Amino acid sequence: MAEVSTTQEPALNRVIGPKLLLFFVVGDIIGTGVYALTGQVAGRVGGALWLPFLLAFVVAFMTAFSYLELVGKYPRAAGAALYTNRAFRTPFLTFMVAFAVMCSGITSASSAAIAFANTYLKEFVDLPGWLIAPLFIVGLAAINFRGVSESVKTNVVLTCIELSGLLIIVGVGVWAVLNGAGDPGRLVEFDTADQTALVAITSATSLAFFAMVGFEDSVNMAEECRDPVRIFPKAMLWGMVVAATIYVLVSLTSSLLVPPDELAAAKSNALLKVLDVGAPGFPREVFSAIGLFAVINSALINMLMASRLLYGMSNERIIPKVLGTVHPLRRTPWVSIVFTSVIAIILVSTVDISVLGGTTALLLLVVFAIVNVAVLVLRREKVDHPHFRAPTIIPALAAVFCLYLVSPLSGRPARDYAIAAILLGVGVVLWVVNWLAMRAAGNTDRAPTAP
């Protein structure tokens, strides 16, 4: 019989309380999505661009109930991968779910790095993007390694700055409307030139959903939360309500002040267009500075999530144990931090990240559908502590809605499916490599033990 090692890694540092978790959820959802997506959503649905954001919130909110029940039962890192593993006991499916979630996090962080280097920073200083973007990732890794306390406190400051930018847009809209500007009739206009109103709404909702993701990242921080079973329900649900309220107010303001075709033409600068119309004298540099902080916050949270995901999967014996190595002094998963940072640096240096946004949203919707099914499957598995329990109908409906938004019926472009197939192909190759590595270590296809 092989000798069993008794060496244990130090535990992660539990420093996140309810307020820090609330800011984590809000900061992760807000991110840079609303800045980039407002124009694109308007291009798909027309003037009623508030409706897709509201519907996306409803689907995300329902899915959050499944995450809350599962994080209450299993308050450990790894999130969706952990729940998939426990529900279906299929290492391949678990690995692919984790790969999809990791792709989402690292891709979002890489997109933020490129936006930082090539868009917002250039408003103040012109430096080569090929140099700044990798240095940006290295800086995030340093904060991540320093400790989760420093990371989440930095997130609080950045989230407040980020929210101020969106509140400026809302304030400008209120001021303009009170002074007689704006066209309320646009709020109920749908783009039906070459599609039905239903396709316009569902197509825009599938895109707007990308702006609502992020709430699920917080469950990967469960091992660094104080009393996660108690604090998660209020923090996650209130965080989502805050983010959705701001999204709806921003979209209402945008539609009132600017026609949808002009918002669509402005693309990622749609909110700057709203600012120019509502407050022509407002200095653009202020909004660009806020954009800088927004992309920093988005990238920081996503890199935190990606490293904790790998840490949790390592503890579940799905990937090599070395990725679960915790620094004895900083109490952070330093090997996973280095690994995910290297992948992000490679992406920002070699890949056109802009084509991956819609695809990662597609893969996340599949993951959400799996989690909504997993919560029902795991009802057969009892735990010895009280926890949040979702009404059975909510995860069932959420799974159906997620699958509908994944399907071609939602009006999703074919390019998303083609890129998803390529990404999943890469995931299969990595699974084979991981399987061989785990086989060499003697851990192939071992099911996780009960807590």
Protein backbone atom coordinates (compact mmCIF):
# COMPACT_ATOMS: atom_id res chain seq x y z
CA MET A 1 0.00 0.00 0.00
CA ALA A 2 1.30 3.45 -0.89
CA GLU A 3 2.13 5.70 2.04
CA VAL A 4 -0.43 8.47 2.56
CA SER A 5 1.01 11.90 3.17
CA THR A 6 -0.20 13.67 6.27
CA THR A 7 1.02 17.07 5.11
CA GLN A 8 -1.83 19.53 4.78
CA GLU A 9 -1.90 22.87 3.05
CA PRO A 10 -2.70 25.87 5.28
CA ALA A 11 -6.31 27.04 5.02
CA LEU A 12 -7.25 30.19 3.12
CA ASN A 13 -7.70 33.31 5.22
CA ARG A 14 -11.35 33.97 6.20
CA VAL A 15 -11.56 37.77 6.09
CA ILE A 16 -14.68 38.49 3.98
CA GLY A 17 -17.71 39.60 5.97
CA PRO A 18 -21.22 40.52 4.72
CA LYS A 19 -20.34 44.08 3.61
CA LEU A 20 -17.20 43.09 1.73
CA LEU A 21 -19.12 40.24 0.07
CA LEU A 22 -21.90 42.64 -0.98
CA PHE A 23 -19.35 44.94 -2.63
CA PHE A 24 -17.69 41.92 -4.26
CA VAL A 25 -21.00 40.87 -5.86
CA VAL A 26 -21.91 44.41 -7.00
CA GLY A 27 -18.42 45.10 -8.32
CA ASP A 28 -18.25 41.81 -10.20
CA ILE A 29 -21.64 42.24 -11.87
CA ILE A 30 -21.23 45.90 -12.80
CA GLY A 31 -17.76 45.32 -14.26
CA THR A 32 -17.31 46.80 -17.71
CA GLY A 33 -20.32 45.03 -19.26
CA VAL A 34 -22.80 47.89 -19.19
CA TYR A 35 -20.21 50.28 -20.66
CA ALA A 36 -19.62 47.97 -23.62
CA LEU A 37 -23.05 46.41 -24.13
CA THR A 38 -25.52 49.32 -24.02
CA GLY A 39 -24.96 50.20 -27.68
CA GLN A 40 -25.00 46.57 -28.84
CA VAL A 41 -28.25 45.80 -26.99
CA ALA A 42 -29.88 48.92 -28.47
CA GLY A 43 -28.82 47.72 -31.93
CA ARG A 44 -30.69 44.45 -31.43
CA VAL A 45 -33.87 45.51 -29.63
CA GLY A 46 -34.40 49.20 -30.44
CA GLY A 47 -35.47 51.88 -27.99
CA ALA A 48 -36.84 49.46 -25.38
CA LEU A 49 -33.32 48.48 -24.36
CA TRP A 50 -34.28 48.53 -20.66
CA LEU A 51 -36.38 45.38 -21.16
CA PRO A 52 -33.53 42.95 -22.09
CA PHE A 53 -31.54 44.09 -19.04
CA LEU A 54 -34.59 43.52 -16.83
CA LEU A 55 -35.27 40.06 -18.30
CA ALA A 56 -31.60 39.11 -18.00
CA PHE A 57 -31.78 40.08 -14.33
CA VAL A 58 -34.84 37.87 -13.78
CA VAL A 59 -33.12 34.79 -15.26
CA ALA A 60 -29.89 35.50 -13.35
CA PHE A 61 -31.80 36.14 -10.12
CA MET A 62 -33.58 32.79 -10.41
CA THR A 63 -30.29 31.02 -11.06
CA ALA A 64 -28.79 32.73 -8.01
CA PHE A 65 -31.26 30.80 -5.84
CA SER A 66 -29.63 27.56 -7.00
CA TYR A 67 -26.16 28.88 -6.24
CA LEU A 68 -27.29 30.00 -2.78
CA GLU A 69 -28.69 26.60 -1.87
CA LEU A 70 -25.52 24.88 -3.07
CA VAL A 71 -23.03 27.24 -1.45
CA GLY A 72 -25.01 26.84 1.76
CA LYS A 73 -24.71 23.04 1.56
CA TYR A 74 -21.10 23.02 0.35
CA PRO A 75 -19.36 26.25 1.46
CA ARG A 76 -16.12 25.55 -0.38
CA ALA A 77 -14.24 26.99 -3.34
CA ALA A 78 -14.76 25.66 -6.92
CA GLY A 79 -18.41 26.75 -7.31
CA ALA A 80 -20.17 25.25 -10.34
CA ALA A 81 -17.44 22.63 -10.83
CA LEU A 82 -17.88 21.40 -7.25
CA TYR A 83 -21.68 21.19 -7.61
CA THR A 84 -21.43 19.40 -10.96
CA ASN A 85 -18.96 16.93 -9.52
CA ARG A 86 -21.13 16.09 -6.53
CA ALA A 87 -24.36 15.84 -8.57
CA PHE A 88 -23.22 13.82 -11.59
CA ARG A 89 -19.92 12.19 -10.49
CA THR A 90 -18.55 12.53 -14.02
CA PRO A 91 -14.99 13.91 -14.04
CA PHE A 92 -15.14 14.87 -17.73
CA LEU A 93 -18.30 16.97 -17.29
CA THR A 94 -16.84 18.54 -14.14
CA PHE A 95 -13.65 19.46 -15.97
CA MET A 96 -15.52 21.01 -18.92
CA VAL A 97 -17.76 23.05 -16.59
CA ALA A 98 -14.67 24.33 -14.77
CA PHE A 99 -12.98 25.06 -18.11
CA ALA A 100 -15.97 27.11 -19.28
CA VAL A 101 -16.08 29.11 -16.04
CA MET A 102 -12.32 29.66 -16.10
CA CYS A 103 -12.51 30.77 -19.75
CA SER A 104 -15.14 33.33 -18.77
CA GLY A 105 -13.06 34.75 -15.93
CA ILE A 106 -9.71 34.88 -17.69
CA THR A 107 -11.26 36.17 -20.93
CA SER A 108 -13.06 38.95 -19.06
CA ALA A 109 -9.86 39.90 -17.24
CA SER A 110 -7.89 39.84 -20.51
CA SER A 111 -10.52 42.01 -22.21
CA ALA A 112 -10.26 44.47 -19.33
CA ALA A 113 -6.46 44.51 -19.65
CA ILE A 114 -6.71 45.34 -23.35
CA ALA A 115 -9.35 48.02 -22.70
CA PHE A 116 -7.10 49.51 -20.04
CA ALA A 117 -4.06 49.60 -22.34
CA ASN A 118 -5.65 50.54 -25.66
CA THR A 119 -8.68 52.67 -24.74
CA TYR A 120 -8.91 54.39 -21.37
CA LEU A 121 -5.20 54.91 -20.64
CA LYS A 122 -4.65 56.45 -24.08
CA GLU A 123 -6.88 59.36 -23.05
CA PHE A 124 -4.03 60.41 -20.74
CA VAL A 125 -0.79 58.87 -22.04
CA ASP A 126 0.11 56.98 -25.22
CA LEU A 127 2.03 53.83 -24.29
CA PRO A 128 2.35 50.58 -26.30
CA GLY A 129 -0.54 48.24 -25.57
CA TRP A 130 1.61 45.12 -26.09
CA LEU A 131 3.64 46.19 -23.05
CA ILE A 132 0.95 47.70 -20.79
CA ALA A 133 -1.59 44.84 -21.00
CA PRO A 134 0.80 42.12 -19.70
CA LEU A 135 2.12 44.49 -17.00
CA PHE A 136 -1.50 45.12 -16.01
CA ILE A 137 -2.02 41.36 -15.47
CA VAL A 138 1.21 41.14 -13.45
CA GLY A 139 -0.01 43.99 -11.22
CA LEU A 140 -3.29 42.19 -10.60
CA ALA A 141 -1.40 39.00 -9.74
CA ALA A 142 0.64 40.93 -7.17
CA ILE A 143 -2.52 42.25 -5.47
CA ASN A 144 -4.09 38.78 -5.61
CA PHE A 145 -0.98 37.18 -4.08
CA ARG A 146 -0.68 39.85 -1.40
CA GLY A 147 -3.88 38.64 0.21
CA VAL A 148 -7.64 38.41 -0.18
CA SER A 149 -8.17 41.14 2.43
CA GLU A 150 -6.20 43.64 0.37
CA SER A 151 -7.93 42.47 -2.81
CA VAL A 152 -11.49 42.82 -1.56
CA LYS A 153 -10.80 46.16 0.15
CA THR A 154 -9.34 47.43 -3.13
CA ASN A 155 -12.55 46.17 -4.76
CA VAL A 156 -14.67 48.30 -2.37
CA VAL A 157 -12.86 51.48 -3.41
CA LEU A 158 -12.96 50.63 -7.11
CA THR A 159 -16.64 49.63 -6.98
CA CYS A 160 -17.56 52.98 -5.42
CA ILE A 161 -15.70 54.81 -8.20
CA GLU A 162 -17.30 52.55 -10.80
CA LEU A 163 -20.80 53.19 -9.44
CA SER A 164 -20.15 56.93 -9.48
CA GLY A 165 -19.69 56.80 -13.26
CA LEU A 166 -23.04 55.13 -13.80
CA LEU A 167 -24.77 57.44 -11.32
CA ILE A 168 -23.37 60.39 -13.31
CA ILE A 169 -25.15 58.99 -16.40
CA VAL A 170 -28.40 58.60 -14.45
CA GLY A 171 -28.07 62.08 -12.94
CA VAL A 172 -27.42 63.61 -16.35
CA GLY A 173 -30.52 61.86 -17.68
CA VAL A 174 -32.74 63.10 -14.86
CA TRP A 175 -31.46 66.66 -15.32
CA ALA A 176 -32.01 66.55 -19.08
CA VAL A 177 -35.53 65.12 -18.80
CA LEU A 178 -36.51 67.69 -16.18
CA ASN A 179 -35.39 70.36 -18.62
CA GLY A 180 -37.57 68.99 -21.40
CA ALA A 181 -35.10 66.79 -23.25
CA GLY A 182 -35.68 63.16 -24.18
CA ASP A 183 -38.30 61.17 -26.05
CA PRO A 184 -40.36 58.84 -23.77
CA GLY A 185 -41.94 57.20 -26.81
CA ARG A 186 -38.66 55.43 -27.58
CA LEU A 187 -38.96 53.36 -24.39
CA VAL A 188 -41.58 51.09 -26.00
CA GLU A 189 -40.11 50.94 -29.53
CA PHE A 190 -38.82 47.59 -30.86
CA ASP A 191 -36.61 46.98 -33.87
CA THR A 192 -38.83 44.80 -36.07
CA ALA A 193 -37.32 45.71 -39.44
CA ASP A 194 -36.10 42.17 -40.18
CA GLN A 195 -37.23 40.23 -37.13
CA THR A 196 -40.23 39.73 -34.84
CA ALA A 197 -40.49 41.62 -31.57
CA LEU A 198 -39.98 38.33 -29.67
CA VAL A 199 -36.71 37.57 -31.48
CA ALA A 200 -35.57 41.15 -30.96
CA ILE A 201 -36.20 40.86 -27.22
CA THR A 202 -34.69 37.39 -26.74
CA SER A 203 -31.66 38.14 -28.91
CA ALA A 204 -30.96 41.31 -26.94
CA THR A 205 -31.59 39.49 -23.64
CA SER A 206 -29.06 36.78 -24.49
CA LEU A 207 -26.53 39.57 -25.04
CA ALA A 208 -27.58 41.63 -22.00
CA PHE A 209 -27.22 38.50 -19.86
CA PHE A 210 -23.45 38.87 -20.15
CA ALA A 211 -23.77 42.12 -18.17
CA MET A 212 -25.53 40.26 -15.32
CA VAL A 213 -23.00 37.46 -14.88
CA GLY A 214 -20.53 37.77 -12.05
CA PHE A 215 -22.79 36.92 -9.12
CA GLU A 216 -21.71 33.28 -9.50
CA ASP A 217 -18.03 34.19 -9.05
CA SER A 218 -18.61 34.99 -5.39
CA VAL A 219 -19.24 31.34 -4.45
CA ASN A 220 -15.61 30.57 -5.34
CA MET A 221 -14.64 32.81 -2.40
CA ALA A 222 -16.66 30.75 0.12
CA GLU A 223 -13.56 29.47 1.94
CA GLU A 224 -12.44 33.05 2.53
CA CYS A 225 -15.79 34.21 3.96
CA ARG A 226 -16.73 34.35 7.60
CA ASP A 227 -19.82 32.17 8.11
CA PRO A 228 -20.63 31.81 4.38
CA VAL A 229 -23.81 29.82 5.00
CA ARG A 230 -25.31 32.79 6.84
CA ILE A 231 -24.02 35.80 4.87
CA PHE A 232 -24.34 34.63 1.26
CA PRO A 233 -28.14 34.87 0.71
CA LYS A 234 -28.52 38.56 1.64
CA ALA A 235 -25.21 39.65 0.09
CA MET A 236 -25.79 37.95 -3.27
CA LEU A 237 -29.47 38.82 -3.71
CA TRP A 238 -29.12 42.45 -2.59
CA GLY A 239 -26.01 42.83 -4.72
CA MET A 240 -27.91 41.64 -7.77
CA VAL A 241 -30.83 43.97 -7.03
CA VAL A 242 -28.48 46.96 -6.71
CA ALA A 243 -26.70 46.12 -9.98
CA ALA A 244 -29.94 45.49 -11.90
CA THR A 245 -31.51 48.71 -10.64
CA ILE A 246 -28.54 50.71 -11.89
CA TYR A 247 -28.59 48.87 -15.23
CA VAL A 248 -32.27 49.60 -15.79
CA LEU A 249 -31.84 53.28 -14.84
CA VAL A 250 -28.84 53.64 -17.16
CA SER A 251 -30.67 51.95 -20.04
CA LEU A 252 -33.77 54.11 -19.51
CA THR A 253 -31.59 57.23 -19.52
CA SER A 254 -29.74 56.13 -22.64
CA SER A 255 -32.94 55.40 -24.56
CA LEU A 256 -34.62 58.64 -23.50
CA LEU A 257 -31.74 60.84 -24.66
CA VAL A 258 -30.25 59.06 -27.68
CA PRO A 259 -31.96 57.20 -30.57
CA PRO A 260 -31.10 53.48 -30.66
CA ASP A 261 -29.35 53.65 -34.04
CA GLU A 262 -26.98 56.30 -32.69
CA LEU A 263 -26.32 54.22 -29.57
CA ALA A 264 -25.59 51.20 -31.76
CA ALA A 265 -23.23 53.23 -33.96
CA ALA A 266 -21.35 54.46 -30.89
CA LYS A 267 -20.67 50.82 -29.87
CA SER A 268 -18.57 50.71 -26.68
CA ASN A 269 -18.72 54.50 -26.40
CA ALA A 270 -22.53 54.56 -26.13
CA LEU A 271 -22.53 56.00 -22.60
CA LEU A 272 -20.13 58.74 -23.66
CA LYS A 273 -22.66 59.59 -26.38
CA VAL A 274 -25.37 59.83 -23.70
CA LEU A 275 -23.11 62.12 -21.67
CA ASP A 276 -22.41 64.35 -24.68
CA VAL A 277 -26.13 64.74 -25.40
CA GLY A 278 -27.30 65.18 -21.81
CA ALA A 279 -24.41 67.30 -20.52
CA PRO A 280 -22.35 68.65 -23.44
CA GLY A 281 -19.97 70.52 -21.16
CA PHE A 282 -19.11 67.57 -18.94
CA PRO A 283 -15.37 66.74 -19.23
CA ARG A 284 -14.85 63.40 -20.98
CA GLU A 285 -11.59 62.89 -19.09
CA VAL A 286 -13.51 62.34 -15.84
CA PHE A 287 -15.56 59.54 -17.37
CA SER A 288 -12.45 58.02 -18.97
CA ALA A 289 -10.73 58.01 -15.56
CA ILE A 290 -13.73 56.22 -14.07
CA GLY A 291 -13.52 53.74 -16.94
CA LEU A 292 -9.91 53.03 -15.98
CA PHE A 293 -10.94 52.08 -12.47
CA ALA A 294 -13.87 50.03 -13.80
CA VAL A 295 -11.65 47.80 -15.93
CA ILE A 296 -9.16 47.38 -13.07
CA ASN A 297 -11.97 46.23 -10.77
CA SER A 298 -13.47 43.88 -13.34
CA ALA A 299 -10.12 42.25 -14.06
CA LEU A 300 -9.15 41.96 -10.38
CA ILE A 301 -12.35 40.15 -9.40
CA ASN A 302 -12.20 37.79 -12.37
CA MET A 303 -8.60 36.82 -11.65
CA LEU A 304 -9.50 36.26 -7.99
CA MET A 305 -12.31 33.95 -9.08
CA ALA A 306 -10.22 32.00 -11.61
CA SER A 307 -7.44 31.24 -9.12
CA ARG A 308 -9.91 30.12 -6.42
CA LEU A 309 -11.71 27.93 -8.94
CA LEU A 310 -8.50 26.03 -9.67
CA TYR A 311 -7.69 25.86 -5.96
CA GLY A 312 -11.09 24.33 -5.23
CA MET A 313 -10.86 21.84 -8.12
CA SER A 314 -7.47 20.75 -6.87
CA ASN A 315 -8.95 20.05 -3.44
CA GLU A 316 -11.68 18.01 -5.14
CA ARG A 317 -8.91 15.98 -6.87
CA ILE A 318 -10.12 16.89 -10.37
CA ILE A 319 -6.84 18.58 -11.35
CA PRO A 320 -3.28 18.13 -10.03
CA LYS A 321 -2.82 18.86 -6.32
CA VAL A 322 -0.01 21.32 -6.94
CA LEU A 323 -2.58 23.90 -8.11
CA GLY A 324 -4.01 23.90 -4.59
CA THR A 325 -0.73 24.98 -2.99
CA VAL A 326 -1.29 27.80 -0.47
CA HIS A 327 1.47 30.25 0.48
CA PRO A 328 2.22 29.72 4.19
CA LEU A 329 2.53 33.45 4.97
CA ARG A 330 0.09 35.17 2.58
CA ARG A 331 -2.51 32.33 2.80
CA THR A 332 -3.32 32.68 -0.89
CA PRO A 333 -3.30 29.93 -3.60
CA TRP A 334 -0.12 31.21 -5.21
CA VAL A 335 0.41 28.43 -7.77
CA SER A 336 -3.11 28.93 -9.16
CA ILE A 337 -2.54 32.69 -9.20
CA VAL A 338 0.65 32.27 -11.25
CA PHE A 339 -0.98 29.71 -13.58
CA THR A 340 -4.07 31.82 -14.38
CA SER A 341 -1.95 34.98 -14.75
CA VAL A 342 0.33 33.30 -17.29
CA ILE A 343 -2.70 32.19 -19.33
CA ALA A 344 -4.08 35.76 -19.26
CA ILE A 345 -0.73 37.19 -20.38
CA ILE A 346 -0.64 34.73 -23.28
CA LEU A 347 -4.20 35.68 -24.27
CA VAL A 348 -3.60 39.44 -24.23
CA SER A 349 -0.42 38.95 -26.25
CA THR A 350 -1.67 36.56 -28.94
CA VAL A 351 -5.49 36.35 -29.23
CA ASP A 352 -8.22 38.71 -30.47
CA ILE A 353 -10.23 38.71 -27.22
CA SER A 354 -13.13 40.72 -28.66
CA VAL A 355 -14.53 37.68 -30.52
CA LEU A 356 -14.87 35.63 -27.31
CA GLY A 357 -17.40 37.74 -25.36
CA GLY A 358 -20.62 36.32 -26.81
CA THR A 359 -19.22 32.79 -26.74
CA THR A 360 -18.24 32.87 -23.06
CA ALA A 361 -21.74 34.15 -22.27
CA LEU A 362 -23.14 31.19 -24.22
CA LEU A 363 -20.97 28.72 -22.28
CA LEU A 364 -21.92 30.32 -18.96
CA LEU A 365 -25.61 29.92 -19.76
CA VAL A 366 -24.97 26.19 -20.30
CA VAL A 367 -23.14 26.08 -16.96
CA PHE A 368 -26.06 27.85 -15.26
CA ALA A 369 -28.49 25.32 -16.74
CA ILE A 370 -26.33 22.48 -15.34
CA VAL A 371 -26.20 24.13 -11.89
CA ASN A 372 -29.99 24.57 -11.89
CA VAL A 373 -30.37 20.84 -12.57
CA ALA A 374 -27.62 19.93 -10.07
CA VAL A 375 -29.40 21.65 -7.19
CA LEU A 376 -32.42 19.40 -7.74
CA VAL A 377 -30.30 16.26 -8.10
CA LEU A 378 -28.44 17.06 -4.87
CA ARG A 379 -31.67 17.32 -2.86
CA ARG A 380 -31.12 13.59 -2.21
CA GLU A 381 -27.87 14.41 -0.41
CA LYS A 382 -28.41 15.78 3.09
CA VAL A 383 -26.00 17.83 5.18
CA ASP A 384 -25.89 18.21 8.94
CA HIS A 385 -26.35 22.00 9.09
CA PRO A 386 -29.23 24.35 8.17
CA HIS A 387 -28.91 26.20 4.86
CA PHE A 388 -30.83 28.24 2.29
CA ARG A 389 -33.30 26.19 0.20
CA ALA A 390 -34.71 27.42 -3.09
CA PRO A 391 -38.37 26.77 -3.98
CA THR A 392 -38.26 23.79 -6.38
CA ILE A 393 -40.03 25.60 -9.21
CA ILE A 394 -37.37 28.34 -9.42
CA PRO A 395 -34.34 26.23 -10.49
CA ALA A 396 -36.59 24.21 -12.81
CA LEU A 397 -37.80 27.34 -14.62
CA ALA A 398 -34.33 28.90 -14.57
CA ALA A 399 -32.86 25.83 -16.31
CA VAL A 400 -35.49 26.09 -19.07
CA PHE A 401 -34.90 29.84 -19.55
CA CYS A 402 -31.11 29.39 -19.68
CA LEU A 403 -31.39 26.64 -22.29
CA TYR A 404 -33.75 28.80 -24.35
CA LEU A 405 -31.23 31.66 -24.35
CA VAL A 406 -28.56 29.14 -25.43
CA SER A 407 -30.64 27.87 -28.36
CA PRO A 408 -30.81 29.40 -31.87
CA LEU A 409 -34.45 30.30 -31.09
CA SER A 410 -33.13 33.23 -29.06
CA GLY A 411 -31.60 34.79 -32.18
CA ARG A 412 -28.02 34.08 -31.12
CA PRO A 413 -25.55 34.46 -34.03
CA ALA A 414 -23.98 31.33 -35.55
CA ARG A 415 -20.48 32.66 -34.85
CA ASP A 416 -20.99 32.11 -31.11
CA TYR A 417 -21.62 28.40 -31.66
CA ALA A 418 -18.62 28.01 -33.97
CA ILE A 419 -16.24 29.63 -31.50
CA ALA A 420 -17.80 27.65 -28.63
CA ALA A 421 -17.09 24.41 -30.50
CA ILE A 422 -13.43 25.44 -30.91
CA LEU A 423 -13.12 26.37 -27.22
CA LEU A 424 -14.71 23.09 -26.13
CA GLY A 425 -12.31 21.25 -28.44
CA VAL A 426 -9.43 22.94 -26.62
CA GLY A 427 -11.07 21.92 -23.34
CA VAL A 428 -11.21 18.27 -24.44
CA VAL A 429 -7.49 18.34 -25.31
CA LEU A 430 -6.69 19.84 -21.90
CA TRP A 431 -8.88 17.20 -20.22
CA VAL A 432 -6.84 14.44 -21.88
CA VAL A 433 -3.60 16.09 -20.71
CA ASN A 434 -5.04 16.49 -17.20
CA TRP A 435 -6.26 12.86 -17.18
CA LEU A 436 -2.80 11.61 -18.09
CA ALA A 437 -1.25 13.79 -15.38
CA MET A 438 -3.72 12.57 -12.77
CA ARG A 439 -3.19 8.96 -13.90
CA ALA A 440 0.54 9.36 -13.44
CA ALA A 441 -0.15 10.67 -9.93
CA GLY A 442 -2.48 7.74 -9.19
CA ASN A 443 -5.65 9.87 -8.88
CA THR A 444 -7.53 9.12 -12.09
CA ASP A 445 -11.32 9.18 -11.87
CA ARG A 446 -11.39 9.32 -8.09
CA ALA A 447 -14.68 10.62 -6.84
CA PRO A 448 -14.59 13.33 -4.18
CA THR A 449 -15.18 12.26 -0.62
CA ALA A 450 -18.08 13.58 1.41
CA PRO A 451 -17.32 16.56 3.63
